[in-house]
């Protein structure tokens, strides 16, 4: 079992006064892979890529975002897309995707390999059930996501919770539900932890911290600890002030210049 998110925030491994939770995927893909596709089909190669970025940028916590993994495989697998479209029932596509044994095994293998090779603490990020439901709903033949509500999200959280059990024994410091809209046109449908009781119960059973990420920051279930957004323009050298918060969560944009990024990192003391 790795150190928990709360322990890492309280005592950042970097020695910074405020812990840095970093989403470096897009930036690392631009810099290290020169915008080539990430090696999602090769867990060891992806773990090396992830570790290369983690080693250079030295965040207190790094994010593994499995939404990228699932998006890649949906794009590459027409058979799976067809399976998701077999029924029109709300949530059927998401349930079918998460129940795909080969895909789940691949995701778990990736997570196992990455956590074994990572040079520092890792947070597992997945879309919130509402966001995943909205992102997969079009496979049902409907483009109407405005009608999806908290009850639909709660039903979907049962599928996500069952799937999440496969990752529960891995040494992640926390599970982060990403509630930011996956597509800009998606409606804002706030859904709190209460609707996600199945996920909260699973994470509590395995003594995992669970948090929710949105456009304003990160909240931790049953904790007053809160993460503030360090905006992307900070990494472009356009902002120097730091927002107040118990920790910072941030995403380095793909267009950031490496020299500027390293300089901005040095300012986070």
C-alpha atoms as a PDB file:
ATOM      1  CA  UNK A   1       0.000   0.000   0.000  1.00  0.00           C
ATOM      2  CA  UNK A   2       1.390   3.373  -0.999  1.00  0.00           C
ATOM      3  CA  UNK A   3       1.185   6.514   1.097  1.00  0.00           C
ATOM      4  CA  UNK A   4      -2.296   8.006   0.958  1.00  0.00           C
ATOM      5  CA  UNK A   5      -3.150  11.217  -0.832  1.00  0.00           C
ATOM      6  CA  UNK A   6      -3.681  13.005   2.480  1.00  0.00           C
ATOM      7  CA  UNK A   7      -0.274  11.952   3.805  1.00  0.00           C
ATOM      8  CA  UNK A   8       1.425  13.056   0.598  1.00  0.00           C
ATOM      9  CA  UNK A   9      -0.355  16.423   0.687  1.00  0.00           C
ATOM     10  CA  UNK A  10       0.626  16.938   4.308  1.00  0.00           C
ATOM     11  CA  UNK A  11       4.292  16.135   3.618  1.00  0.00           C
ATOM     12  CA  UNK A  12       5.072  16.681  -0.092  1.00  0.00           C
ATOM     13  CA  UNK A  13       7.927  14.371  -1.231  1.00  0.00           C
ATOM     14  CA  UNK A  14       9.439  17.271  -3.203  1.00  0.00           C
ATOM     15  CA  UNK A  15       9.793  19.420  -0.098  1.00  0.00           C
ATOM     16  CA  UNK A  16       7.459  22.028  -1.596  1.00  0.00           C
ATOM     17  CA  UNK A  17       5.269  23.943   0.802  1.00  0.00           C
ATOM     18  CA  UNK A  18       2.212  22.974  -1.270  1.00  0.00           C
ATOM     19  CA  UNK A  19       1.944  19.584  -2.983  1.00  0.00           C
ATOM     20  CA  UNK A  20       1.661  19.495  -6.791  1.00  0.00           C
ATOM     21  CA  UNK A  21      -0.758  17.005  -8.398  1.00  0.00           C
ATOM     22  CA  UNK A  22       0.223  16.972 -12.060  1.00  0.00           C
ATOM     23  CA  UNK A  23      -1.573  15.840 -15.196  1.00  0.00           C
ATOM     24  CA  UNK A  24       1.332  15.732 -17.646  1.00  0.00           C
ATOM     25  CA  UNK A  25      -0.019  13.405 -20.350  1.00  0.00           C
ATOM     26  CA  UNK A  26      -0.585  15.903 -23.175  1.00  0.00           C
ATOM     27  CA  UNK A  27       2.630  17.802 -22.522  1.00  0.00           C
ATOM     28  CA  UNK A  28       4.696  14.609 -22.286  1.00  0.00           C
ATOM     29  CA  UNK A  29       3.153  13.290 -25.495  1.00  0.00           C
ATOM     30  CA  UNK A  30       4.178  16.493 -27.244  1.00  0.00           C
ATOM     31  CA  UNK A  31       7.705  16.647 -25.821  1.00  0.00           C
ATOM     32  CA  UNK A  32       8.793  13.028 -25.468  1.00  0.00           C
ATOM     33  CA  UNK A  33       6.749  11.371 -28.214  1.00  0.00           C
ATOM     34  CA  UNK A  34       6.769  14.389 -30.553  1.00  0.00           C
ATOM     35  CA  UNK A  35       2.977  14.080 -30.827  1.00  0.00           C
ATOM     36  CA  UNK A  36       3.082  10.443 -31.862  1.00  0.00           C
ATOM     37  CA  UNK A  37       0.369   8.237 -30.326  1.00  0.00           C
ATOM     38  CA  UNK A  38       0.987   7.054 -26.786  1.00  0.00           C
ATOM     39  CA  UNK A  39       1.886   3.321 -26.589  1.00  0.00           C
ATOM     40  CA  UNK A  40      -1.363   2.231 -24.928  1.00  0.00           C
ATOM     41  CA  UNK A  41      -1.010  -1.313 -26.247  1.00  0.00           C
ATOM     42  CA  UNK A  42       2.384  -1.823 -24.595  1.00  0.00           C
ATOM     43  CA  UNK A  43       2.171  -1.356 -20.803  1.00  0.00           C
ATOM     44  CA  UNK A  44       5.947  -1.377 -20.291  1.00  0.00           C
ATOM     45  CA  UNK A  45       6.542   1.233 -22.996  1.00  0.00           C
ATOM     46  CA  UNK A  46       3.762   3.428 -21.635  1.00  0.00           C
ATOM     47  CA  UNK A  47       5.113   3.102 -18.093  1.00  0.00           C
ATOM     48  CA  UNK A  48       8.560   4.162 -19.324  1.00  0.00           C
ATOM     49  CA  UNK A  49       7.030   7.157 -21.091  1.00  0.00           C
ATOM     50  CA  UNK A  50       5.068   8.095 -17.965  1.00  0.00           C
ATOM     51  CA  UNK A  51       8.113   7.623 -15.751  1.00  0.00           C
ATOM     52  CA  UNK A  52      10.251   9.760 -18.052  1.00  0.00           C
ATOM     53  CA  UNK A  53       7.859  12.675 -17.568  1.00  0.00           C
ATOM     54  CA  UNK A  54       7.516  12.003 -13.860  1.00  0.00           C
ATOM     55  CA  UNK A  55      11.287  11.908 -13.462  1.00  0.00           C
ATOM     56  CA  UNK A  56      11.809  15.203 -15.289  1.00  0.00           C
ATOM     57  CA  UNK A  57       8.932  17.180 -13.812  1.00  0.00           C
ATOM     58  CA  UNK A  58       9.068  15.697 -10.290  1.00  0.00           C
ATOM     59  CA  UNK A  59       5.467  16.266  -9.216  1.00  0.00           C
ATOM     60  CA  UNK A  60       4.460  15.246  -5.726  1.00  0.00           C
ATOM     61  CA  UNK A  61       1.698  13.204  -7.330  1.00  0.00           C
ATOM     62  CA  UNK A  62       1.169  12.279 -10.977  1.00  0.00           C
ATOM     63  CA  UNK A  63      -2.129  11.403 -12.676  1.00  0.00           C
ATOM     64  CA  UNK A  64      -2.790   8.257 -14.700  1.00  0.00           C
ATOM     65  CA  UNK A  65      -5.920   9.134 -16.676  1.00  0.00           C
ATOM     66  CA  UNK A  66      -7.587   5.969 -17.985  1.00  0.00           C
ATOM     67  CA  UNK A  67     -10.026   7.977 -20.085  1.00  0.00           C
ATOM     68  CA  UNK A  68      -7.212   8.270 -22.661  1.00  0.00           C
ATOM     69  CA  UNK A  69      -6.774   4.477 -22.630  1.00  0.00           C
ATOM     70  CA  UNK A  70     -10.476   3.795 -23.188  1.00  0.00           C
ATOM     71  CA  UNK A  71     -10.844   6.497 -25.837  1.00  0.00           C
ATOM     72  CA  UNK A  72      -7.921   4.978 -27.754  1.00  0.00           C
ATOM     73  CA  UNK A  73      -9.366   1.463 -27.660  1.00  0.00           C
ATOM     74  CA  UNK A  74     -12.845   2.567 -28.664  1.00  0.00           C
ATOM     75  CA  UNK A  75     -11.352   4.317 -31.680  1.00  0.00           C
ATOM     76  CA  UNK A  76      -9.339   1.233 -32.631  1.00  0.00           C
ATOM     77  CA  UNK A  77     -11.992  -1.446 -32.011  1.00  0.00           C
ATOM     78  CA  UNK A  78     -15.063  -1.380 -34.300  1.00  0.00           C
ATOM     79  CA  UNK A  79     -16.274  -4.698 -32.846  1.00  0.00           C
ATOM     80  CA  UNK A  80     -16.457  -3.152 -29.411  1.00  0.00           C
ATOM     81  CA  UNK A  81     -18.212  -0.051 -30.751  1.00  0.00           C
ATOM     82  CA  UNK A  82     -20.766  -2.319 -32.401  1.00  0.00           C
ATOM     83  CA  UNK A  83     -21.310  -4.170 -29.117  1.00  0.00           C
ATOM     84  CA  UNK A  84     -21.963  -0.871 -27.352  1.00  0.00           C
ATOM     85  CA  UNK A  85     -24.721  -0.081 -29.868  1.00  0.00           C
ATOM     86  CA  UNK A  86     -26.739  -3.287 -29.530  1.00  0.00           C
ATOM     87  CA  UNK A  87     -29.321  -1.781 -27.174  1.00  0.00           C
ATOM     88  CA  UNK A  88     -30.782   1.693 -26.798  1.00  0.00           C
ATOM     89  CA  UNK A  89     -31.137   1.552 -23.009  1.00  0.00           C
ATOM     90  CA  UNK A  90     -29.509   4.421 -21.084  1.00  0.00           C
ATOM     91  CA  UNK A  91     -26.208   3.262 -19.626  1.00  0.00           C
ATOM     92  CA  UNK A  92     -26.007   0.118 -21.755  1.00  0.00           C
ATOM     93  CA  UNK A  93     -22.997   1.369 -23.734  1.00  0.00           C
ATOM     94  CA  UNK A  94     -21.011   2.288 -20.620  1.00  0.00           C
ATOM     95  CA  UNK A  95     -21.916  -0.964 -18.874  1.00  0.00           C
ATOM     96  CA  UNK A  96     -20.887  -2.995 -21.932  1.00  0.00           C
ATOM     97  CA  UNK A  97     -17.578  -1.156 -22.293  1.00  0.00           C
ATOM     98  CA  UNK A  98     -16.651  -1.643 -18.647  1.00  0.00           C
ATOM     99  CA  UNK A  99     -17.724  -5.308 -18.763  1.00  0.00           C
ATOM    100  CA  UNK A 100     -15.407  -6.093 -21.693  1.00  0.00           C
ATOM    101  CA  UNK A 101     -12.990  -8.562 -20.091  1.00  0.00           C
ATOM    102  CA  UNK A 102     -10.141  -8.098 -22.555  1.00  0.00           C
ATOM    103  CA  UNK A 103     -10.238  -4.331 -22.269  1.00  0.00           C
ATOM    104  CA  UNK A 104     -10.472  -4.427 -18.476  1.00  0.00           C
ATOM    105  CA  UNK A 105      -7.554  -6.848 -18.298  1.00  0.00           C
ATOM    106  CA  UNK A 106      -5.520  -4.525 -20.506  1.00  0.00           C
ATOM    107  CA  UNK A 107      -6.332  -1.522 -18.309  1.00  0.00           C
ATOM    108  CA  UNK A 108      -5.412  -3.414 -15.132  1.00  0.00           C
ATOM    109  CA  UNK A 109      -2.162  -4.664 -16.673  1.00  0.00           C
ATOM    110  CA  UNK A 110      -1.282  -1.110 -17.659  1.00  0.00           C
ATOM    111  CA  UNK A 111      -2.031   0.145 -14.141  1.00  0.00           C
ATOM    112  CA  UNK A 112      -0.066  -2.685 -12.519  1.00  0.00           C
ATOM    113  CA  UNK A 113       2.972  -2.109 -14.709  1.00  0.00           C
ATOM    114  CA  UNK A 114       2.888   1.650 -14.288  1.00  0.00           C
ATOM    115  CA  UNK A 115       2.557   1.634 -10.505  1.00  0.00           C
ATOM    116  CA  UNK A 116       5.375  -0.911 -10.256  1.00  0.00           C
ATOM    117  CA  UNK A 117       7.704   1.284 -12.326  1.00  0.00           C
ATOM    118  CA  UNK A 118       6.613   4.774 -11.226  1.00  0.00           C
ATOM    119  CA  UNK A 119       9.209   6.930  -9.518  1.00  0.00           C
ATOM    120  CA  UNK A 120       6.658   8.660  -7.285  1.00  0.00           C
ATOM    121  CA  UNK A 121       3.044   8.569  -6.061  1.00  0.00           C
ATOM    122  CA  UNK A 122       0.314   8.087  -8.685  1.00  0.00           C
ATOM    123  CA  UNK A 123      -3.377   9.013  -8.588  1.00  0.00           C
ATOM    124  CA  UNK A 124      -5.789   7.015 -10.771  1.00  0.00           C
ATOM    125  CA  UNK A 125      -8.154   9.347 -12.612  1.00  0.00           C
ATOM    126  CA  UNK A 126     -11.297   8.184 -14.397  1.00  0.00           C
ATOM    127  CA  UNK A 127     -14.286  10.123 -15.710  1.00  0.00           C
ATOM    128  CA  UNK A 128     -17.065  10.582 -13.178  1.00  0.00           C
ATOM    129  CA  UNK A 129     -20.002   8.261 -13.900  1.00  0.00           C
ATOM    130  CA  UNK A 130     -21.985  11.213 -15.282  1.00  0.00           C
ATOM    131  CA  UNK A 131     -19.189  12.230 -17.630  1.00  0.00           C
ATOM    132  CA  UNK A 132     -18.563   8.649 -18.775  1.00  0.00           C
ATOM    133  CA  UNK A 133     -22.274   8.150 -19.321  1.00  0.00           C
ATOM    134  CA  UNK A 134     -22.481  11.311 -21.419  1.00  0.00           C
ATOM    135  CA  UNK A 135     -19.383  10.348 -23.414  1.00  0.00           C
ATOM    136  CA  UNK A 136     -20.706   6.886 -24.334  1.00  0.00           C
ATOM    137  CA  UNK A 137     -24.403   7.698 -24.685  1.00  0.00           C
ATOM    138  CA  UNK A 138     -24.214   8.391 -28.417  1.00  0.00           C
ATOM    139  CA  UNK A 139     -23.462   4.693 -29.004  1.00  0.00           C
ATOM    140  CA  UNK A 140     -27.090   4.058 -28.058  1.00  0.00           C
ATOM    141  CA  UNK A 141     -28.149   5.932 -31.175  1.00  0.00           C
ATOM    142  CA  UNK A 142     -29.163   9.042 -29.256  1.00  0.00           C
ATOM    143  CA  UNK A 143     -27.392  12.375 -29.263  1.00  0.00           C
ATOM    144  CA  UNK A 144     -29.649  13.685 -26.489  1.00  0.00           C
ATOM    145  CA  UNK A 145     -27.512  13.977 -23.383  1.00  0.00           C
ATOM    146  CA  UNK A 146     -29.462  16.910 -21.946  1.00  0.00           C
ATOM    147  CA  UNK A 147     -31.993  14.509 -20.437  1.00  0.00           C
ATOM    148  CA  UNK A 148     -29.404  12.511 -18.489  1.00  0.00           C
ATOM    149  CA  UNK A 149     -29.785  13.228 -14.787  1.00  0.00           C
ATOM    150  CA  UNK A 150     -28.429  12.329 -11.358  1.00  0.00           C
ATOM    151  CA  UNK A 151     -30.479   9.110 -11.261  1.00  0.00           C
ATOM    152  CA  UNK A 152     -28.841   7.962 -14.493  1.00  0.00           C
ATOM    153  CA  UNK A 153     -25.441   8.846 -13.054  1.00  0.00           C
ATOM    154  CA  UNK A 154     -26.218   6.905  -9.877  1.00  0.00           C
ATOM    155  CA  UNK A 155     -27.168   3.831 -11.914  1.00  0.00           C
ATOM    156  CA  UNK A 156     -23.974   4.157 -13.926  1.00  0.00           C
ATOM    157  CA  UNK A 157     -21.922   4.424 -10.754  1.00  0.00           C
ATOM    158  CA  UNK A 158     -22.802   0.801  -9.970  1.00  0.00           C
ATOM    159  CA  UNK A 159     -21.097  -0.344 -13.168  1.00  0.00           C
ATOM    160  CA  UNK A 160     -18.083   1.857 -12.467  1.00  0.00           C
ATOM    161  CA  UNK A 161     -17.824   0.578  -8.882  1.00  0.00           C
ATOM    162  CA  UNK A 162     -17.838  -3.071 -10.018  1.00  0.00           C
ATOM    163  CA  UNK A 163     -15.157  -2.326 -12.596  1.00  0.00           C
ATOM    164  CA  UNK A 164     -13.105  -0.356 -10.095  1.00  0.00           C
ATOM    165  CA  UNK A 165     -12.655  -3.404  -7.843  1.00  0.00           C
ATOM    166  CA  UNK A 166     -10.056  -4.670 -10.308  1.00  0.00           C
ATOM    167  CA  UNK A 167      -7.809  -1.705  -9.465  1.00  0.00           C
ATOM    168  CA  UNK A 168      -8.480  -1.493  -5.732  1.00  0.00           C
ATOM    169  CA  UNK A 169      -5.465  -3.529  -4.625  1.00  0.00           C
ATOM    170  CA  UNK A 170      -2.999  -1.458  -6.669  1.00  0.00           C
ATOM    171  CA  UNK A 171      -0.836   1.133  -4.866  1.00  0.00           C
ATOM    172  CA  UNK A 172      -2.603   4.297  -6.033  1.00  0.00           C
ATOM    173  CA  UNK A 173      -2.667   7.157  -3.554  1.00  0.00           C
ATOM    174  CA  UNK A 174      -6.266   8.006  -4.491  1.00  0.00           C
ATOM    175  CA  UNK A 175      -9.055   7.588  -7.038  1.00  0.00           C
ATOM    176  CA  UNK A 176     -10.040  10.831  -8.739  1.00  0.00           C
ATOM    177  CA  UNK A 177     -13.401  11.190 -10.486  1.00  0.00           C
ATOM    178  CA  UNK A 178     -13.021  13.738 -13.276  1.00  0.00           C
ATOM    179  CA  UNK A 179     -16.279  15.678 -13.482  1.00  0.00           C
ATOM    180  CA  UNK A 180     -15.103  18.196 -16.067  1.00  0.00           C
ATOM    181  CA  UNK A 181     -17.170  17.953 -19.280  1.00  0.00           C
ATOM    182  CA  UNK A 182     -15.521  15.509 -21.672  1.00  0.00           C
ATOM    183  CA  UNK A 183     -16.869  17.519 -24.608  1.00  0.00           C
ATOM    184  CA  UNK A 184     -17.317  21.327 -24.556  1.00  0.00           C
ATOM    185  CA  UNK A 185     -20.939  21.006 -25.678  1.00  0.00           C
ATOM    186  CA  UNK A 186     -21.906  18.648 -22.854  1.00  0.00           C
ATOM    187  CA  UNK A 187     -24.400  20.104 -20.374  1.00  0.00           C
ATOM    188  CA  UNK A 188     -23.211  20.895 -16.871  1.00  0.00           C
ATOM    189  CA  UNK A 189     -25.025  18.416 -14.637  1.00  0.00           C
ATOM    190  CA  UNK A 190     -23.508  18.611 -11.164  1.00  0.00           C
ATOM    191  CA  UNK A 191     -23.636  15.283  -9.340  1.00  0.00           C
ATOM    192  CA  UNK A 192     -22.269  14.975  -5.833  1.00  0.00           C
ATOM    193  CA  UNK A 193     -20.719  12.119  -3.895  1.00  0.00           C
ATOM    194  CA  UNK A 194     -24.173  11.135  -2.576  1.00  0.00           C
ATOM    195  CA  UNK A 195     -25.155   9.833  -6.006  1.00  0.00           C
ATOM    196  CA  UNK A 196     -21.954   7.849  -6.244  1.00  0.00           C
ATOM    197  CA  UNK A 197     -22.481   5.759  -3.108  1.00  0.00           C
ATOM    198  CA  UNK A 198     -21.413   2.490  -4.835  1.00  0.00           C
ATOM    199  CA  UNK A 199     -18.016   4.019  -5.659  1.00  0.00           C
ATOM    200  CA  UNK A 200     -17.668   5.585  -2.220  1.00  0.00           C
ATOM    201  CA  UNK A 201     -18.433   2.194  -0.636  1.00  0.00           C
ATOM    202  CA  UNK A 202     -15.912   0.318  -2.768  1.00  0.00           C
ATOM    203  CA  UNK A 203     -13.142   2.820  -2.134  1.00  0.00           C
ATOM    204  CA  UNK A 204     -13.928   2.878   1.601  1.00  0.00           C
ATOM    205  CA  UNK A 205     -13.783  -0.915   1.722  1.00  0.00           C
ATOM    206  CA  UNK A 206     -10.276  -0.860   0.244  1.00  0.00           C
ATOM    207  CA  UNK A 207      -9.301   2.204   2.319  1.00  0.00           C
ATOM    208  CA  UNK A 208      -8.785   4.309  -0.767  1.00  0.00           C
ATOM    209  CA  UNK A 209      -9.222   8.080  -0.780  1.00  0.00           C
ATOM    210  CA  UNK A 210     -11.696   9.246  -3.430  1.00  0.00           C
ATOM    211  CA  UNK A 211     -11.879  12.793  -4.775  1.00  0.00           C
ATOM    212  CA  UNK A 212     -13.858  14.753  -7.355  1.00  0.00           C
ATOM    213  CA  UNK A 213     -12.180  17.004  -9.898  1.00  0.00           C
ATOM    214  CA  UNK A 214     -14.091  19.786 -11.587  1.00  0.00           C
ATOM    215  CA  UNK A 215     -13.350  23.123 -13.249  1.00  0.00           C
ATOM    216  CA  UNK A 216     -12.832  24.748  -9.858  1.00  0.00           C
ATOM    217  CA  UNK A 217     -10.513  22.260  -8.166  1.00  0.00           C
ATOM    218  CA  UNK A 218     -10.640  18.991  -6.240  1.00  0.00           C
ATOM    219  CA  UNK A 219     -12.798  18.028  -3.284  1.00  0.00           C
ATOM    220  CA  UNK A 220     -12.026  14.957  -1.181  1.00  0.00           C
ATOM    221  CA  UNK A 221     -14.855  12.836   0.157  1.00  0.00           C
ATOM    222  CA  UNK A 222     -15.539  13.575   3.834  1.00  0.00           C
ATOM    223  CA  UNK A 223     -12.474  15.833   4.080  1.00  0.00           C
ATOM    224  CA  UNK A 224     -12.002  19.588   4.271  1.00  0.00           C
ATOM    225  CA  UNK A 225      -8.798  19.267   2.231  1.00  0.00           C
ATOM    226  CA  UNK A 226      -9.220  20.984  -1.146  1.00  0.00           C
ATOM    227  CA  UNK A 227      -7.084  21.239  -4.237  1.00  0.00           C
ATOM    228  CA  UNK A 228      -6.948  24.497  -6.176  1.00  0.00           C
ATOM    229  CA  UNK A 229      -6.458  24.843  -9.921  1.00  0.00           C
ATOM    230  CA  UNK A 230      -3.066  26.047 -11.086  1.00  0.00           C
ATOM    231  CA  UNK A 231      -4.193  27.292 -14.524  1.00  0.00           C
ATOM    232  CA  UNK A 232      -2.588  26.145 -17.737  1.00  0.00           C
ATOM    233  CA  UNK A 233      -1.330  29.641 -18.546  1.00  0.00           C
ATOM    234  CA  UNK A 234       0.962  29.378 -15.534  1.00  0.00           C
ATOM    235  CA  UNK A 235       3.022  26.923 -17.598  1.00  0.00           C
ATOM    236  CA  UNK A 236       3.151  29.413 -20.464  1.00  0.00           C
ATOM    237  CA  UNK A 237       4.793  31.949 -18.170  1.00  0.00           C
ATOM    238  CA  UNK A 238       1.721  34.187 -18.266  1.00  0.00           C
ATOM    239  CA  UNK A 239       0.818  33.930 -14.585  1.00  0.00           C
ATOM    240  CA  UNK A 240       2.992  34.084 -11.504  1.00  0.00           C
ATOM    241  CA  UNK A 241       0.535  34.238  -8.608  1.00  0.00           C
ATOM    242  CA  UNK A 242      -0.472  30.951  -6.995  1.00  0.00           C
ATOM    243  CA  UNK A 243      -4.032  30.239  -5.865  1.00  0.00           C
ATOM    244  CA  UNK A 244      -4.631  29.336  -2.208  1.00  0.00           C
ATOM    245  CA  UNK A 245      -5.321  25.683  -1.492  1.00  0.00           C
ATOM    246  CA  UNK A 246      -4.171  22.626   0.425  1.00  0.00           C
ATOM    247  CA  UNK A 247      -2.596  21.365  -2.800  1.00  0.00           C
ATOM    248  CA  UNK A 248      -2.435  22.387  -6.448  1.00  0.00           C
ATOM    249  CA  UNK A 249      -3.823  20.371  -9.343  1.00  0.00           C
ATOM    250  CA  UNK A 250      -2.669  21.337 -12.792  1.00  0.00           C
ATOM    251  CA  UNK A 251      -2.370  20.245 -16.408  1.00  0.00           C
ATOM    252  CA  UNK A 252       0.582  21.313 -18.523  1.00  0.00           C
ATOM    253  CA  UNK A 253      -0.615  22.177 -22.035  1.00  0.00           C
ATOM    254  CA  UNK A 254       0.947  20.439 -25.017  1.00  0.00           C
ATOM    255  CA  UNK A 255       2.073  23.807 -26.397  1.00  0.00           C
ATOM    256  CA  UNK A 256       4.151  24.742 -23.343  1.00  0.00           C
ATOM    257  CA  UNK A 257       7.864  25.409 -23.959  1.00  0.00           C
ATOM    258  CA  UNK A 258      10.086  23.039 -21.945  1.00  0.00           C
ATOM    259  CA  UNK A 259      12.416  25.783 -20.715  1.00  0.00           C
ATOM    260  CA  UNK A 260       9.457  27.831 -19.478  1.00  0.00           C
ATOM    261  CA  UNK A 261       7.913  24.777 -17.802  1.00  0.00           C
ATOM    262  CA  UNK A 262      11.115  24.012 -15.910  1.00  0.00           C
ATOM    263  CA  UNK A 263      11.425  27.645 -14.869  1.00  0.00           C
ATOM    264  CA  UNK A 264       7.842  27.690 -13.608  1.00  0.00           C
ATOM    265  CA  UNK A 265       8.409  24.428 -11.758  1.00  0.00           C
ATOM    266  CA  UNK A 266      11.336  26.023  -9.976  1.00  0.00           C
ATOM    267  CA  UNK A 267       9.020  28.768  -8.692  1.00  0.00           C
ATOM    268  CA  UNK A 268       6.899  26.207  -6.833  1.00  0.00           C
ATOM    269  CA  UNK A 269       8.809  26.022  -3.579  1.00  0.00           C
END
